C-alpha cells in the first residue's frame, strides 16, 4: 500500500466535505444543536434562541435543513398557525457528532 498523494486527492469527494456542506454556516449548527436539546421548537422560540437572526435568514436555513432531510416541519391546522421543527431520523444520526463537538469545547474551554 503506497503513500497517499495530495495531487490525487479531491476534498469535494470526501465524507467530511459532504457533512460540512449540510451543516456549515453561521446558523445551521446552532439550529441543529437547539433541536437536539429542546425539540420540538417553534419558529419564534428558535429566533429568540439564535438572538440576532433575521426572519428571512432563519427561514432559509430551516428550509435548507429540511430539504437535506435533517429536520422536519410540522404544521398544525389552526388559527393562528402553529409550526414546530424537530430532527428527522437522519438529523438524529448527527447527534453523536454534535455531542463530540460539545465535549471537545467543554474540555478545551479556558
PDB file of N, CA and C in Angstrom:
ATOM      1  N   UNK A   1       0.843  -1.180   0.000  1.00  0.00           N
ATOM      2  CA  UNK A   1       0.000   0.000   0.000  1.00  0.00           C
ATOM      3  C   UNK A   1       0.889   1.245   0.000  1.00  0.00           C
ATOM      4  N   UNK A   2       0.697   2.097  -0.994  1.00  0.00           N
ATOM      5  CA  UNK A   2       1.551   3.270  -1.144  1.00  0.00           C
ATOM      6  C   UNK A   2       1.071   4.454  -0.328  1.00  0.00           C
ATOM      7  N   UNK A   3       1.947   5.417  -0.246  1.00  0.00           N
ATOM      8  CA  UNK A   3       1.634   6.655   0.470  1.00  0.00           C
ATOM      9  C   UNK A   3       0.599   7.455  -0.325  1.00  0.00           C
ATOM     10  N   UNK A   4      -0.348   8.061   0.372  1.00  0.00           N
ATOM     11  CA  UNK A   4      -1.351   8.902  -0.282  1.00  0.00           C
ATOM     12  C   UNK A   4      -0.660  10.135  -0.847  1.00  0.00           C
ATOM     13  N   UNK A   5      -1.113  10.540  -2.027  1.00  0.00           N
ATOM     14  CA  UNK A   5      -0.548  11.722  -2.667  1.00  0.00           C
ATOM     15  C   UNK A   5      -1.613  12.804  -2.748  1.00  0.00           C
ATOM     16  N   UNK A   6      -1.277  13.990  -2.301  1.00  0.00           N
ATOM     17  CA  UNK A   6      -2.243  15.082  -2.324  1.00  0.00           C
ATOM     18  C   UNK A   6      -2.615  15.460  -3.755  1.00  0.00           C
ATOM     19  N   UNK A   7      -1.731  15.220  -4.681  1.00  0.00           N
ATOM     20  CA  UNK A   7      -2.021  15.520  -6.086  1.00  0.00           C
ATOM     21  C   UNK A   7      -3.203  14.703  -6.600  1.00  0.00           C
ATOM     22  N   UNK A   8      -3.425  13.531  -6.009  1.00  0.00           N
ATOM     23  CA  UNK A   8      -4.509  12.641  -6.434  1.00  0.00           C
ATOM     24  C   UNK A   8      -5.788  12.860  -5.617  1.00  0.00           C
ATOM     25  N   UNK A   9      -5.730  13.730  -4.637  1.00  0.00           N
ATOM     26  CA  UNK A   9      -6.857  13.909  -3.714  1.00  0.00           C
ATOM     27  C   UNK A   9      -7.848  14.939  -4.242  1.00  0.00           C
ATOM     28  N   UNK A  10      -9.103  14.743  -3.859  1.00  0.00           N
ATOM     29  CA  UNK A  10     -10.151  15.709  -4.170  1.00  0.00           C
ATOM     30  C   UNK A  10     -11.005  15.852  -2.918  1.00  0.00           C
ATOM     31  N   UNK A  11     -10.827  16.953  -2.214  1.00  0.00           N
ATOM     32  CA  UNK A  11     -11.542  17.175  -0.961  1.00  0.00           C
ATOM     33  C   UNK A  11     -13.049  17.072  -1.145  1.00  0.00           C
ATOM     34  N   UNK A  12     -13.567  17.543  -2.284  1.00  0.00           N
ATOM     35  CA  UNK A  12     -15.013  17.541  -2.521  1.00  0.00           C
ATOM     36  C   UNK A  12     -15.609  16.142  -2.579  1.00  0.00           C
ATOM     37  N   UNK A  13     -14.780  15.121  -2.709  1.00  0.00           N
ATOM     38  CA  UNK A  13     -15.268  13.748  -2.758  1.00  0.00           C
ATOM     39  C   UNK A  13     -15.211  13.044  -1.405  1.00  0.00           C
ATOM     40  N   UNK A  14     -14.848  13.766  -0.354  1.00  0.00           N
ATOM     41  CA  UNK A  14     -14.733  13.146   0.972  1.00  0.00           C
ATOM     42  C   UNK A  14     -16.039  13.235   1.750  1.00  0.00           C
ATOM     43  N   UNK A  15     -16.205  12.340   2.692  1.00  0.00           N
ATOM     44  CA  UNK A  15     -17.358  12.380   3.580  1.00  0.00           C
ATOM     45  C   UNK A  15     -17.354  13.634   4.432  1.00  0.00           C
ATOM     46  N   UNK A  16     -16.161  14.089   4.794  1.00  0.00           N
ATOM     47  CA  UNK A  16     -16.027  15.311   5.592  1.00  0.00           C
ATOM     48  C   UNK A  16     -16.609  16.497   4.829  1.00  0.00           C
ATOM     49  N   UNK A  17     -16.272  16.600   3.553  1.00  0.00           N
ATOM     50  CA  UNK A  17     -16.783  17.692   2.715  1.00  0.00           C
ATOM     51  C   UNK A  17     -18.301  17.624   2.616  1.00  0.00           C
ATOM     52  N   UNK A  18     -18.839  16.427   2.436  1.00  0.00           N
ATOM     53  CA  UNK A  18     -20.288  16.268   2.329  1.00  0.00           C
ATOM     54  C   UNK A  18     -20.983  16.696   3.623  1.00  0.00           C
ATOM     55  N   UNK A  19     -20.454  16.246   4.752  1.00  0.00           N
ATOM     56  CA  UNK A  19     -21.041  16.616   6.039  1.00  0.00           C
ATOM     57  C   UNK A  19     -21.020  18.126   6.227  1.00  0.00           C
ATOM     58  N   UNK A  20     -19.883  18.750   5.942  1.00  0.00           N
ATOM     59  CA  UNK A  20     -19.787  20.203   6.070  1.00  0.00           C
ATOM     60  C   UNK A  20     -20.773  20.914   5.154  1.00  0.00           C
ATOM     61  N   UNK A  21     -20.996  20.370   3.966  1.00  0.00           N
ATOM     62  CA  UNK A  21     -21.930  21.017   3.038  1.00  0.00           C
ATOM     63  C   UNK A  21     -23.349  21.046   3.605  1.00  0.00           C
ATOM     64  N   UNK A  22     -23.679  20.091   4.453  1.00  0.00           N
ATOM     65  CA  UNK A  22     -25.012  20.031   5.049  1.00  0.00           C
ATOM     66  C   UNK A  22     -25.150  20.906   6.294  1.00  0.00           C
ATOM     67  N   UNK A  23     -24.082  21.023   7.078  1.00  0.00           N
ATOM     68  CA  UNK A  23     -24.217  21.688   8.381  1.00  0.00           C
ATOM     69  C   UNK A  23     -23.407  22.962   8.517  1.00  0.00           C
ATOM     70  N   UNK A  24     -22.711  23.374   7.471  1.00  0.00           N
ATOM     71  CA  UNK A  24     -21.881  24.571   7.614  1.00  0.00           C
ATOM     72  C   UNK A  24     -22.709  25.839   7.515  1.00  0.00           C
ATOM     73  N   UNK A  25     -22.141  26.894   8.015  1.00  0.00           N
ATOM     74  CA  UNK A  25     -22.813  28.180   8.023  1.00  0.00           C
ATOM     75  C   UNK A  25     -22.886  28.713   9.437  1.00  0.00           C
ATOM     76  N   UNK A  26     -23.352  29.915   9.550  1.00  0.00           N
ATOM     77  CA  UNK A  26     -23.408  30.570  10.853  1.00  0.00           C
ATOM     78  C   UNK A  26     -24.506  29.997  11.738  1.00  0.00           C
ATOM     79  N   UNK A  27     -25.630  29.595  11.146  1.00  0.00           N
ATOM     80  CA  UNK A  27     -26.790  29.217  11.961  1.00  0.00           C
ATOM     81  C   UNK A  27     -27.140  27.727  11.938  1.00  0.00           C
ATOM     82  N   UNK A  28     -26.809  27.003  10.900  1.00  0.00           N
ATOM     83  CA  UNK A  28     -27.219  25.598  10.817  1.00  0.00           C
ATOM     84  C   UNK A  28     -26.750  24.749  11.996  1.00  0.00           C
ATOM     85  N   UNK A  29     -25.471  24.834  12.384  1.00  0.00           N
ATOM     86  CA  UNK A  29     -25.062  24.018  13.541  1.00  0.00           C
ATOM     87  C   UNK A  29     -25.815  24.395  14.814  1.00  0.00           C
ATOM     88  N   UNK A  30     -26.113  25.689  14.976  1.00  0.00           N
ATOM     89  CA  UNK A  30     -26.824  26.138  16.169  1.00  0.00           C
ATOM     90  C   UNK A  30     -28.279  25.671  16.137  1.00  0.00           C
ATOM     91  N   UNK A  31     -28.882  25.698  14.968  1.00  0.00           N
ATOM     92  CA  UNK A  31     -30.253  25.194  14.817  1.00  0.00           C
ATOM     93  C   UNK A  31     -30.300  23.716  15.184  1.00  0.00           C
ATOM     94  N   UNK A  32     -29.356  22.951  14.656  1.00  0.00           N
ATOM     95  CA  UNK A  32     -29.318  21.517  14.948  1.00  0.00           C
ATOM     96  C   UNK A  32     -29.078  21.269  16.434  1.00  0.00           C
ATOM     97  N   UNK A  33     -28.187  22.040  17.032  1.00  0.00           N
ATOM     98  CA  UNK A  33     -27.928  21.895  18.472  1.00  0.00           C
ATOM     99  C   UNK A  33     -29.185  22.221  19.277  1.00  0.00           C
ATOM    100  N   UNK A  34     -29.858  23.294  18.901  1.00  0.00           N
ATOM    101  CA  UNK A  34     -31.089  23.694  19.592  1.00  0.00           C
ATOM    102  C   UNK A  34     -32.129  22.578  19.527  1.00  0.00           C
ATOM    103  N   UNK A  35     -32.307  22.005  18.351  1.00  0.00           N
ATOM    104  CA  UNK A  35     -33.292  20.929  18.199  1.00  0.00           C
ATOM    105  C   UNK A  35     -32.858  19.672  18.938  1.00  0.00           C
ATOM    106  N   UNK A  36     -31.566  19.436  18.985  1.00  0.00           N
ATOM    107  CA  UNK A  36     -31.046  18.281  19.715  1.00  0.00           C
ATOM    108  C   UNK A  36     -31.377  18.411  21.202  1.00  0.00           C
ATOM    109  N   UNK A  37     -31.308  19.619  21.724  1.00  0.00           N
ATOM    110  CA  UNK A  37     -31.526  19.855  23.144  1.00  0.00           C
ATOM    111  C   UNK A  37     -32.989  20.080  23.520  1.00  0.00           C
ATOM    112  N   UNK A  38     -33.761  20.711  22.633  1.00  0.00           N
ATOM    113  CA  UNK A  38     -35.081  21.197  23.050  1.00  0.00           C
ATOM    114  C   UNK A  38     -36.249  20.807  22.150  1.00  0.00           C
ATOM    115  N   UNK A  39     -36.081  19.896  21.202  1.00  0.00           N
ATOM    116  CA  UNK A  39     -37.156  19.644  20.243  1.00  0.00           C
ATOM    117  C   UNK A  39     -38.448  19.189  20.904  1.00  0.00           C
ATOM    118  N   UNK A  40     -39.587  19.510  20.333  1.00  0.00           N
ATOM    119  CA  UNK A  40     -39.784  20.363  19.158  1.00  0.00           C
ATOM    120  C   UNK A  40     -39.677  21.846  19.537  1.00  0.00           C
ATOM    121  N   UNK A  41     -39.338  22.655  18.534  1.00  0.00           N
ATOM    122  CA  UNK A  41     -39.146  24.085  18.746  1.00  0.00           C
ATOM    123  C   UNK A  41     -39.932  24.849  17.690  1.00  0.00           C
ATOM    124  N   UNK A  42     -40.604  25.896  18.122  1.00  0.00           N
ATOM    125  CA  UNK A  42     -41.354  26.752  17.206  1.00  0.00           C
ATOM    126  C   UNK A  42     -40.427  27.826  16.634  1.00  0.00           C
ATOM    127  N   UNK A  43     -40.841  28.414  15.510  1.00  0.00           N
ATOM    128  CA  UNK A  43     -40.027  29.395  14.799  1.00  0.00           C
ATOM    129  C   UNK A  43     -39.598  30.542  15.713  1.00  0.00           C
ATOM    130  N   UNK A  44     -40.551  31.139  16.431  1.00  0.00           N
ATOM    131  CA  UNK A  44     -40.219  32.277  17.294  1.00  0.00           C
ATOM    132  C   UNK A  44     -39.302  31.880  18.445  1.00  0.00           C
ATOM    133  N   UNK A  45     -39.453  30.673  18.963  1.00  0.00           N
ATOM    134  CA  UNK A  45     -38.556  30.188  20.011  1.00  0.00           C
ATOM    135  C   UNK A  45     -37.134  30.055  19.468  1.00  0.00           C
ATOM    136  N   UNK A  46     -37.046  29.525  18.249  1.00  0.00           N
ATOM    137  CA  UNK A  46     -35.741  29.367  17.601  1.00  0.00           C
ATOM    138  C   UNK A  46     -35.105  30.736  17.369  1.00  0.00           C
ATOM    139  N   UNK A  47     -35.901  31.683  16.949  1.00  0.00           N
ATOM    140  CA  UNK A  47     -35.392  33.027  16.688  1.00  0.00           C
ATOM    141  C   UNK A  47     -34.867  33.669  17.982  1.00  0.00           C
ATOM    142  N   UNK A  48     -35.571  33.496  19.076  1.00  0.00           N
ATOM    143  CA  UNK A  48     -35.095  34.018  20.363  1.00  0.00           C
ATOM    144  C   UNK A  48     -33.803  33.321  20.794  1.00  0.00           C
ATOM    145  N   UNK A  49     -33.724  32.026  20.554  1.00  0.00           N
ATOM    146  CA  UNK A  49     -32.539  31.246  20.913  1.00  0.00           C
ATOM    147  C   UNK A  49     -31.316  31.738  20.134  1.00  0.00           C
ATOM    148  N   UNK A  50     -31.526  32.013  18.849  1.00  0.00           N
ATOM    149  CA  UNK A  50     -30.427  32.476  17.994  1.00  0.00           C
ATOM    150  C   UNK A  50     -30.137  33.960  18.170  1.00  0.00           C
ATOM    151  N   UNK A  51     -31.003  34.657  18.817  1.00  0.00           N
ATOM    152  CA  UNK A  51     -30.913  36.079  19.127  1.00  0.00           C
ATOM    153  C   UNK A  51     -30.988  36.953  17.882  1.00  0.00           C
ATOM    154  N   UNK A  52     -29.914  37.382  17.295  1.00  0.00           N
ATOM    155  CA  UNK A  52     -29.969  38.409  16.254  1.00  0.00           C
ATOM    156  C   UNK A  52     -29.998  37.823  14.842  1.00  0.00           C
ATOM    157  N   UNK A  53     -30.955  36.956  14.573  1.00  0.00           N
ATOM    158  CA  UNK A  53     -31.085  36.391  13.232  1.00  0.00           C
ATOM    159  C   UNK A  53     -32.348  36.971  12.580  1.00  0.00           C
ATOM    160  N   UNK A  54     -32.214  37.331  11.317  1.00  0.00           N
ATOM    161  CA  UNK A  54     -33.351  37.872  10.573  1.00  0.00           C
ATOM    162  C   UNK A  54     -34.330  36.752  10.228  1.00  0.00           C
ATOM    163  N   UNK A  55     -35.617  37.089  10.135  1.00  0.00           N
ATOM    164  CA  UNK A  55     -36.654  36.113   9.767  1.00  0.00           C
ATOM    165  C   UNK A  55     -36.277  35.369   8.492  1.00  0.00           C
ATOM    166  N   UNK A  56     -35.867  36.124   7.484  1.00  0.00           N
ATOM    167  CA  UNK A  56     -35.547  35.544   6.178  1.00  0.00           C
ATOM    168  C   UNK A  56     -34.371  34.570   6.272  1.00  0.00           C
ATOM    169  N   UNK A  57     -33.355  34.936   7.024  1.00  0.00           N
ATOM    170  CA  UNK A  57     -32.174  34.084   7.187  1.00  0.00           C
ATOM    171  C   UNK A  57     -32.528  32.793   7.907  1.00  0.00           C
ATOM    172  N   UNK A  58     -33.273  32.898   8.997  1.00  0.00           N
ATOM    173  CA  UNK A  58     -33.678  31.706   9.736  1.00  0.00           C
ATOM    174  C   UNK A  58     -34.557  30.828   8.873  1.00  0.00           C
ATOM    175  N   UNK A  59     -35.509  31.423   8.187  1.00  0.00           N
ATOM    176  CA  UNK A  59     -36.411  30.668   7.321  1.00  0.00           C
ATOM    177  C   UNK A  59     -35.632  29.924   6.236  1.00  0.00           C
ATOM    178  N   UNK A  60     -34.664  30.591   5.627  1.00  0.00           N
ATOM    179  CA  UNK A  60     -33.855  29.961   4.572  1.00  0.00           C
ATOM    180  C   UNK A  60     -33.040  28.795   5.118  1.00  0.00           C
ATOM    181  N   UNK A  61     -32.423  28.972   6.280  1.00  0.00           N
ATOM    182  CA  UNK A  61     -31.641  27.891   6.889  1.00  0.00           C
ATOM    183  C   UNK A  61     -32.520  26.705   7.245  1.00  0.00           C
ATOM    184  N   UNK A  62     -33.694  26.962   7.782  1.00  0.00           N
ATOM    185  CA  UNK A  62     -34.625  25.881   8.118  1.00  0.00           C
ATOM    186  C   UNK A  62     -35.065  25.137   6.855  1.00  0.00           C
ATOM    187  N   UNK A  63     -35.340  25.858   5.783  1.00  0.00           N
ATOM    188  CA  UNK A  63     -35.742  25.228   4.517  1.00  0.00           C
ATOM    189  C   UNK A  63     -34.625  24.343   3.970  1.00  0.00           C
ATOM    190  N   UNK A  64     -33.388  24.822   4.059  1.00  0.00           N
ATOM    191  CA  UNK A  64     -32.259  24.029   3.569  1.00  0.00           C
ATOM    192  C   UNK A  64     -32.066  22.764   4.400  1.00  0.00           C
ATOM    193  N   UNK A  65     -32.168  22.884   5.707  1.00  0.00           N
ATOM    194  CA  UNK A  65     -32.038  21.708   6.569  1.00  0.00           C
ATOM    195  C   UNK A  65     -33.177  20.721   6.326  1.00  0.00           C
ATOM    196  N   UNK A  66     -34.360  21.246   6.052  1.00  0.00           N
ATOM    197  CA  UNK A  66     -35.497  20.379   5.741  1.00  0.00           C
ATOM    198  C   UNK A  66     -35.293  19.690   4.395  1.00  0.00           C
ATOM    199  N   UNK A  67     -34.792  20.422   3.409  1.00  0.00           N
ATOM    200  CA  UNK A  67     -34.535  19.843   2.082  1.00  0.00           C
ATOM    201  C   UNK A  67     -33.476  18.747   2.157  1.00  0.00           C
ATOM    202  N   UNK A  68     -32.538  18.880   3.083  1.00  0.00           N
ATOM    203  CA  UNK A  68     -31.491  17.866   3.265  1.00  0.00           C
ATOM    204  C   UNK A  68     -31.923  16.745   4.207  1.00  0.00           C
ATOM    205  N   UNK A  69     -33.202  16.749   4.600  1.00  0.00           N
ATOM    206  CA  UNK A  69     -33.799  15.715   5.450  1.00  0.00           C
ATOM    207  C   UNK A  69     -33.118  15.604   6.818  1.00  0.00           C
ATOM    208  N   UNK A  70     -32.691  16.759   7.354  1.00  0.00           N
ATOM    209  CA  UNK A  70     -32.112  16.763   8.692  1.00  0.00           C
ATOM    210  C   UNK A  70     -33.130  17.218   9.731  1.00  0.00           C
ATOM    211  N   UNK A  71     -34.093  18.026   9.301  1.00  0.00           N
ATOM    212  CA  UNK A  71     -35.163  18.457  10.201  1.00  0.00           C
ATOM    213  C   UNK A  71     -36.500  18.287   9.497  1.00  0.00           C
ATOM    214  N   UNK A  72     -37.560  18.253  10.296  1.00  0.00           N
ATOM    215  CA  UNK A  72     -38.899  18.220   9.710  1.00  0.00           C
ATOM    216  C   UNK A  72     -39.724  19.354  10.286  1.00  0.00           C
ATOM    217  N   UNK A  73     -40.629  19.787   9.478  1.00  0.00           N
ATOM    218  CA  UNK A  73     -41.508  20.910   9.820  1.00  0.00           C
ATOM    219  C   UNK A  73     -42.919  20.358   9.934  1.00  0.00           C
ATOM    220  N   UNK A  74     -43.539  20.568  11.082  1.00  0.00           N
ATOM    221  CA  UNK A  74     -44.901  20.091  11.283  1.00  0.00           C
ATOM    222  C   UNK A  74     -45.819  21.300  11.440  1.00  0.00           C
ATOM    223  N   UNK A  75     -46.813  21.374  10.573  1.00  0.00           N
ATOM    224  CA  UNK A  75     -47.762  22.488  10.586  1.00  0.00           C
ATOM    225  C   UNK A  75     -49.067  21.992  11.189  1.00  0.00           C
ATOM    226  N   UNK A  76     -49.561  22.717  12.184  1.00  0.00           N
ATOM    227  CA  UNK A  76     -50.836  22.386  12.806  1.00  0.00           C
ATOM    228  C   UNK A  76     -51.928  23.249  12.167  1.00  0.00           C
ATOM    229  N   UNK A  77     -53.034  22.630  11.751  1.00  0.00           N
ATOM    230  CA  UNK A  77     -54.111  23.380  11.089  1.00  0.00           C
ATOM    231  C   UNK A  77     -54.964  24.142  12.101  1.00  0.00           C
ATOM    232  N   UNK A  78     -54.491  25.294  12.491  1.00  0.00           N
ATOM    233  CA  UNK A  78     -55.217  26.098  13.469  1.00  0.00           C
ATOM    234  C   UNK A  78     -54.960  27.572  13.192  1.00  0.00           C
ATOM    235  N   UNK A  79     -55.734  28.407  13.823  1.00  0.00           N
ATOM    236  CA  UNK A  79     -55.567  29.853  13.724  1.00  0.00           C
ATOM    237  C   UNK A  79     -55.257  30.364  15.126  1.00  0.00           C
ATOM    238  N   UNK A  80     -54.173  31.095  15.350  1.00  0.00           N
ATOM    239  CA  UNK A  80     -53.105  31.383  14.401  1.00  0.00           C
ATOM    240  C   UNK A  80     -52.305  30.122  14.082  1.00  0.00           C
ATOM    241  N   UNK A  81     -51.603  30.125  12.938  1.00  0.00           N
ATOM    242  CA  UNK A  81     -50.846  28.934  12.544  1.00  0.00           C
ATOM    243  C   UNK A  81     -49.788  28.556  13.577  1.00  0.00           C
ATOM    244  N   UNK A  82     -49.590  27.268  13.740  1.00  0.00           N
ATOM    245  CA  UNK A  82     -48.562  26.764  14.645  1.00  0.00           C
ATOM    246  C   UNK A  82     -47.663  25.836  13.841  1.00  0.00           C
ATOM    247  N   UNK A  83     -46.366  26.103  13.891  1.00  0.00           N
ATOM    248  CA  UNK A  83     -45.378  25.296  13.176  1.00  0.00           C
ATOM    249  C   UNK A  83     -44.288  24.900  14.159  1.00  0.00           C
ATOM    250  N   UNK A  84     -43.938  23.627  14.159  1.00  0.00           N
ATOM    251  CA  UNK A  84     -42.863  23.127  15.017  1.00  0.00           C
ATOM    252  C   UNK A  84     -41.809  22.437  14.167  1.00  0.00           C
ATOM    253  N   UNK A  85     -40.575  22.539  14.624  1.00  0.00           N
ATOM    254  CA  UNK A  85     -39.445  21.895  13.951  1.00  0.00           C
ATOM    255  C   UNK A  85     -38.835  20.868  14.888  1.00  0.00           C
ATOM    256  N   UNK A  86     -38.413  19.760  14.313  1.00  0.00           N
ATOM    257  CA  UNK A  86     -37.725  18.729  15.084  1.00  0.00           C
ATOM    258  C   UNK A  86     -36.761  17.996  14.155  1.00  0.00           C
ATOM    259  N   UNK A  87     -35.894  17.209  14.745  1.00  0.00           N
ATOM    260  CA  UNK A  87     -34.927  16.442  13.968  1.00  0.00           C
ATOM    261  C   UNK A  87     -35.599  15.227  13.328  1.00  0.00           C
ATOM    262  N   UNK A  88     -35.156  14.893  12.131  1.00  0.00           N
ATOM    263  CA  UNK A  88     -35.577  13.654  11.487  1.00  0.00           C
ATOM    264  C   UNK A  88     -34.676  12.524  12.007  1.00  0.00           C
ATOM    265  N   UNK A  89     -34.931  11.334  11.551  1.00  0.00           N
ATOM    266  CA  UNK A  89     -34.068  10.209  11.912  1.00  0.00           C
ATOM    267  C   UNK A  89     -32.642  10.497  11.441  1.00  0.00           C
ATOM    268  N   UNK A  90     -32.530  11.023  10.234  1.00  0.00           N
ATOM    269  CA  UNK A  90     -31.212  11.376   9.690  1.00  0.00           C
ATOM    270  C   UNK A  90     -30.569  12.483  10.538  1.00  0.00           C
ATOM    271  N   UNK A  91     -31.356  13.458  10.961  1.00  0.00           N
ATOM    272  CA  UNK A  91     -30.850  14.524  11.818  1.00  0.00           C
ATOM    273  C   UNK A  91     -30.376  13.994  13.156  1.00  0.00           C
ATOM    274  N   UNK A  92     -31.128  13.056  13.716  1.00  0.00           N
ATOM    275  CA  UNK A  92     -30.726  12.443  14.991  1.00  0.00           C
ATOM    276  C   UNK A  92     -29.402  11.704  14.851  1.00  0.00           C
ATOM    277  N   UNK A  93     -29.101  11.210  13.648  1.00  0.00           N
ATOM    278  CA  UNK A  93     -27.836  10.498  13.457  1.00  0.00           C
ATOM    279  C   UNK A  93     -26.637  11.442  13.576  1.00  0.00           C
ATOM    280  N   UNK A  94     -26.855  12.758  13.517  1.00  0.00           N
ATOM    281  CA  UNK A  94     -25.786  13.739  13.715  1.00  0.00           C
ATOM    282  C   UNK A  94     -25.530  14.057  15.179  1.00  0.00           C
ATOM    283  N   UNK A  95     -26.395  13.600  16.065  1.00  0.00           N
ATOM    284  CA  UNK A  95     -26.272  13.932  17.485  1.00  0.00           C
ATOM    285  C   UNK A  95     -24.919  13.499  18.034  1.00  0.00           C
ATOM    286  N   UNK A  96     -24.429  12.334  17.634  1.00  0.00           N
ATOM    287  CA  UNK A  96     -23.127  11.869  18.123  1.00  0.00           C
ATOM    288  C   UNK A  96     -22.016  12.847  17.719  1.00  0.00           C
ATOM    289  N   UNK A  97     -22.100  13.366  16.511  1.00  0.00           N
ATOM    290  CA  UNK A  97     -21.105  14.327  16.027  1.00  0.00           C
ATOM    291  C   UNK A  97     -21.203  15.626  16.826  1.00  0.00           C
ATOM    292  N   UNK A  98     -22.417  16.130  17.003  1.00  0.00           N
ATOM    293  CA  UNK A  98     -22.616  17.366  17.754  1.00  0.00           C
ATOM    294  C   UNK A  98     -22.186  17.199  19.211  1.00  0.00           C
ATOM    295  N   UNK A  99     -22.482  16.038  19.794  1.00  0.00           N
ATOM    296  CA  UNK A  99     -22.051  15.757  21.170  1.00  0.00           C
ATOM    297  C   UNK A  99     -20.529  15.805  21.291  1.00  0.00           C
ATOM    298  N   UNK A 100     -19.833  15.262  20.303  1.00  0.00           N
ATOM    299  CA  UNK A 100     -18.368  15.277  20.323  1.00  0.00           C
ATOM    300  C   UNK A 100     -17.835  16.699  20.238  1.00  0.00           C
ATOM    301  N   UNK A 101     -18.479  17.542  19.433  1.00  0.00           N
ATOM    302  CA  UNK A 101     -18.082  18.949  19.370  1.00  0.00           C
ATOM    303  C   UNK A 101     -18.267  19.624  20.730  1.00  0.00           C
ATOM    304  N   UNK A 102     -19.388  19.310  21.395  1.00  0.00           N
ATOM    305  CA  UNK A 102     -19.649  19.853  22.735  1.00  0.00           C
ATOM    306  C   UNK A 102     -18.578  19.369  23.727  1.00  0.00           C
ATOM    307  N   UNK A 103     -18.283  18.081  23.679  1.00  0.00           N
ATOM    308  CA  UNK A 103     -17.269  17.514  24.582  1.00  0.00           C
ATOM    309  C   UNK A 103     -15.924  18.204  24.387  1.00  0.00           C
ATOM    310  N   UNK A 104     -15.520  18.364  23.133  1.00  0.00           N
ATOM    311  CA  UNK A 104     -14.250  18.992  22.847  1.00  0.00           C
ATOM    312  C   UNK A 104     -14.238  20.426  23.369  1.00  0.00           C
ATOM    313  N   UNK A 105     -15.314  21.163  23.131  1.00  0.00           N
ATOM    314  CA  UNK A 105     -15.413  22.538  23.610  1.00  0.00           C
ATOM    315  C   UNK A 105     -15.347  22.634  25.119  1.00  0.00           C
ATOM    316  N   UNK A 106     -16.033  21.736  25.810  1.00  0.00           N
ATOM    317  CA  UNK A 106     -16.009  21.745  27.281  1.00  0.00           C
ATOM    318  C   UNK A 106     -14.623  21.400  27.820  1.00  0.00           C
ATOM    319  N   UNK A 107     -13.936  20.476  27.148  1.00  0.00           N
ATOM    320  CA  UNK A 107     -12.606  20.071  27.603  1.00  0.00           C
ATOM    321  C   UNK A 107     -11.545  21.116  27.308  1.00  0.00           C
ATOM    322  N   UNK A 108     -11.736  21.926  26.287  1.00  0.00           N
ATOM    323  CA  UNK A 108     -10.701  22.859  25.860  1.00  0.00           C
ATOM    324  C   UNK A 108     -11.026  24.317  26.127  1.00  0.00           C
ATOM    325  N   UNK A 109     -12.142  24.579  26.763  1.00  0.00           N
ATOM    326  CA  UNK A 109     -12.522  25.944  27.111  1.00  0.00           C
ATOM    327  C   UNK A 109     -11.623  26.449  28.236  1.00  0.00           C
ATOM    328  N   UNK A 110     -11.211  27.679  28.117  1.00  0.00           N
ATOM    329  CA  UNK A 110     -10.339  28.243  29.173  1.00  0.00           C
ATOM    330  C   UNK A 110     -11.136  28.977  30.185  1.00  0.00           C
TER     331      UNK A 110
END
